[in-house]
């Protein structure tokens, strides 16, 4: 079992719980996992740089500036990659932001 499979099978379900609790309680958070493994992925892609990150604002949709800086550093650490952020608002609406 490679790191990506371990993340998908064991870590991701726990992160979904943590993310849900943080959203419900308005707790800002940042988390990042380097799940790269040697070789190619199932579709022939290079898996030497595979990172899964989450950045959540607090209950007032205010990002923690230190967490935002950390996330920016994480994103710049490897080769640039497009990212998509979804912000869920208290009224149930969502805002999707693409960073290319």
C-alpha atoms as a PDB file:
ATOM      1  CA  UNK A   1       0.000   0.000   0.000  1.00  0.00           C
ATOM      2  CA  UNK A   2       1.485   3.368  -1.014  1.00  0.00           C
ATOM      3  CA  UNK A   3       1.167   6.696   0.833  1.00  0.00           C
ATOM      4  CA  UNK A   4      -1.716   7.881  -1.346  1.00  0.00           C
ATOM      5  CA  UNK A   5      -3.710   4.737  -0.565  1.00  0.00           C
ATOM      6  CA  UNK A   6      -2.971   5.114   3.165  1.00  0.00           C
ATOM      7  CA  UNK A   7      -4.139   8.733   3.007  1.00  0.00           C
ATOM      8  CA  UNK A   8      -7.295   7.826   1.076  1.00  0.00           C
ATOM      9  CA  UNK A   9      -8.197   4.838   3.258  1.00  0.00           C
ATOM     10  CA  UNK A  10      -7.130   5.940   6.743  1.00  0.00           C
ATOM     11  CA  UNK A  11      -6.344   9.652   7.006  1.00  0.00           C
ATOM     12  CA  UNK A  12      -8.961  11.208   4.729  1.00  0.00           C
ATOM     13  CA  UNK A  13     -11.966   9.826   6.681  1.00  0.00           C
ATOM     14  CA  UNK A  14     -10.500  11.267   9.885  1.00  0.00           C
ATOM     15  CA  UNK A  15      -9.775  14.598   8.181  1.00  0.00           C
ATOM     16  CA  UNK A  16     -13.362  14.765   6.948  1.00  0.00           C
ATOM     17  CA  UNK A  17     -14.503  14.434  10.579  1.00  0.00           C
ATOM     18  CA  UNK A  18     -12.032  17.090  11.738  1.00  0.00           C
ATOM     19  CA  UNK A  19     -12.997  19.450   8.905  1.00  0.00           C
ATOM     20  CA  UNK A  20     -16.688  18.975   9.739  1.00  0.00           C
ATOM     21  CA  UNK A  21     -16.122  19.738  13.427  1.00  0.00           C
ATOM     22  CA  UNK A  22     -14.021  22.810  12.595  1.00  0.00           C
ATOM     23  CA  UNK A  23     -16.678  24.114  10.203  1.00  0.00           C
ATOM     24  CA  UNK A  24     -19.482  23.485  12.719  1.00  0.00           C
ATOM     25  CA  UNK A  25     -17.578  25.209  15.526  1.00  0.00           C
ATOM     26  CA  UNK A  26     -15.998  28.011  13.488  1.00  0.00           C
ATOM     27  CA  UNK A  27     -12.457  26.832  14.157  1.00  0.00           C
ATOM     28  CA  UNK A  28      -9.864  28.028  11.661  1.00  0.00           C
ATOM     29  CA  UNK A  29      -7.366  25.374  10.655  1.00  0.00           C
ATOM     30  CA  UNK A  30      -4.580  24.487   8.254  1.00  0.00           C
ATOM     31  CA  UNK A  31      -3.353  20.968   7.529  1.00  0.00           C
ATOM     32  CA  UNK A  32      -1.100  19.584   4.847  1.00  0.00           C
ATOM     33  CA  UNK A  33       0.072  16.095   3.964  1.00  0.00           C
ATOM     34  CA  UNK A  34       2.879  15.040   1.616  1.00  0.00           C
ATOM     35  CA  UNK A  35       1.567  11.802   0.176  1.00  0.00           C
ATOM     36  CA  UNK A  36       3.942  11.476  -2.761  1.00  0.00           C
ATOM     37  CA  UNK A  37       5.292   8.103  -3.596  1.00  0.00           C
ATOM     38  CA  UNK A  38       7.971   6.956  -5.970  1.00  0.00           C
ATOM     39  CA  UNK A  39       6.994   6.068  -9.480  1.00  0.00           C
ATOM     40  CA  UNK A  40       3.896   6.732 -11.483  1.00  0.00           C
ATOM     41  CA  UNK A  41       0.281   6.903 -10.486  1.00  0.00           C
ATOM     42  CA  UNK A  42      -2.439   4.699 -11.996  1.00  0.00           C
ATOM     43  CA  UNK A  43      -2.808   7.037 -14.999  1.00  0.00           C
ATOM     44  CA  UNK A  44       0.921   7.421 -15.649  1.00  0.00           C
ATOM     45  CA  UNK A  45       1.223  10.750 -13.817  1.00  0.00           C
ATOM     46  CA  UNK A  46       4.320  11.707 -11.829  1.00  0.00           C
ATOM     47  CA  UNK A  47       3.598  11.076  -8.144  1.00  0.00           C
ATOM     48  CA  UNK A  48       6.843  12.440  -6.736  1.00  0.00           C
ATOM     49  CA  UNK A  49       5.038  15.648  -5.682  1.00  0.00           C
ATOM     50  CA  UNK A  50       1.571  15.007  -4.302  1.00  0.00           C
ATOM     51  CA  UNK A  51       0.308  17.206  -1.466  1.00  0.00           C
ATOM     52  CA  UNK A  52      -3.156  17.361   0.071  1.00  0.00           C
ATOM     53  CA  UNK A  53      -3.883  20.573   2.002  1.00  0.00           C
ATOM     54  CA  UNK A  54      -6.858  22.120   3.777  1.00  0.00           C
ATOM     55  CA  UNK A  55      -7.241  25.740   4.896  1.00  0.00           C
ATOM     56  CA  UNK A  56     -10.422  26.806   6.701  1.00  0.00           C
ATOM     57  CA  UNK A  57     -11.475  30.258   7.902  1.00  0.00           C
ATOM     58  CA  UNK A  58     -13.064  30.819  11.307  1.00  0.00           C
ATOM     59  CA  UNK A  59     -16.825  31.020  11.925  1.00  0.00           C
ATOM     60  CA  UNK A  60     -16.936  34.589  10.573  1.00  0.00           C
ATOM     61  CA  UNK A  61     -15.266  33.557   7.291  1.00  0.00           C
ATOM     62  CA  UNK A  62     -12.094  35.325   8.476  1.00  0.00           C
ATOM     63  CA  UNK A  63      -8.902  33.483   7.579  1.00  0.00           C
ATOM     64  CA  UNK A  64      -6.184  33.238  10.186  1.00  0.00           C
ATOM     65  CA  UNK A  65      -3.395  35.343   8.600  1.00  0.00           C
ATOM     66  CA  UNK A  66      -0.652  33.049   9.885  1.00  0.00           C
ATOM     67  CA  UNK A  67      -2.443  30.012   8.441  1.00  0.00           C
ATOM     68  CA  UNK A  68      -2.904  31.827   5.120  1.00  0.00           C
ATOM     69  CA  UNK A  69       0.844  32.578   5.018  1.00  0.00           C
ATOM     70  CA  UNK A  70       1.679  28.965   5.828  1.00  0.00           C
ATOM     71  CA  UNK A  71      -0.645  27.764   3.098  1.00  0.00           C
ATOM     72  CA  UNK A  72       0.940  30.164   0.609  1.00  0.00           C
ATOM     73  CA  UNK A  73       4.387  28.804   1.500  1.00  0.00           C
ATOM     74  CA  UNK A  74       3.189  25.229   1.124  1.00  0.00           C
ATOM     75  CA  UNK A  75       1.727  25.998  -2.298  1.00  0.00           C
ATOM     76  CA  UNK A  76       4.981  27.622  -3.462  1.00  0.00           C
ATOM     77  CA  UNK A  77       7.251  24.893  -2.068  1.00  0.00           C
ATOM     78  CA  UNK A  78       7.015  22.654  -5.119  1.00  0.00           C
ATOM     79  CA  UNK A  79       6.087  23.270  -8.642  1.00  0.00           C
ATOM     80  CA  UNK A  80       3.055  25.520  -9.049  1.00  0.00           C
ATOM     81  CA  UNK A  81      -0.224  23.670  -9.227  1.00  0.00           C
ATOM     82  CA  UNK A  82      -3.768  24.899  -9.719  1.00  0.00           C
ATOM     83  CA  UNK A  83      -5.954  24.754  -6.619  1.00  0.00           C
ATOM     84  CA  UNK A  84      -9.665  25.073  -5.932  1.00  0.00           C
ATOM     85  CA  UNK A  85     -11.045  26.379  -2.626  1.00  0.00           C
ATOM     86  CA  UNK A  86     -14.670  26.038  -1.595  1.00  0.00           C
ATOM     87  CA  UNK A  87     -15.919  28.269   1.210  1.00  0.00           C
ATOM     88  CA  UNK A  88     -19.207  27.275   2.808  1.00  0.00           C
ATOM     89  CA  UNK A  89     -21.040  30.258   4.290  1.00  0.00           C
ATOM     90  CA  UNK A  90     -23.372  30.222   7.281  1.00  0.00           C
ATOM     91  CA  UNK A  91     -26.408  30.666   5.031  1.00  0.00           C
ATOM     92  CA  UNK A  92     -25.594  27.437   3.179  1.00  0.00           C
ATOM     93  CA  UNK A  93     -24.206  29.119   0.063  1.00  0.00           C
ATOM     94  CA  UNK A  94     -20.778  28.272  -1.280  1.00  0.00           C
ATOM     95  CA  UNK A  95     -18.041  30.291  -2.953  1.00  0.00           C
ATOM     96  CA  UNK A  96     -15.559  28.492  -5.183  1.00  0.00           C
ATOM     97  CA  UNK A  97     -12.185  30.114  -5.834  1.00  0.00           C
ATOM     98  CA  UNK A  98      -9.657  28.796  -8.339  1.00  0.00           C
ATOM     99  CA  UNK A  99      -5.972  29.606  -7.896  1.00  0.00           C
ATOM    100  CA  UNK A 100      -4.073  28.927 -11.089  1.00  0.00           C
END
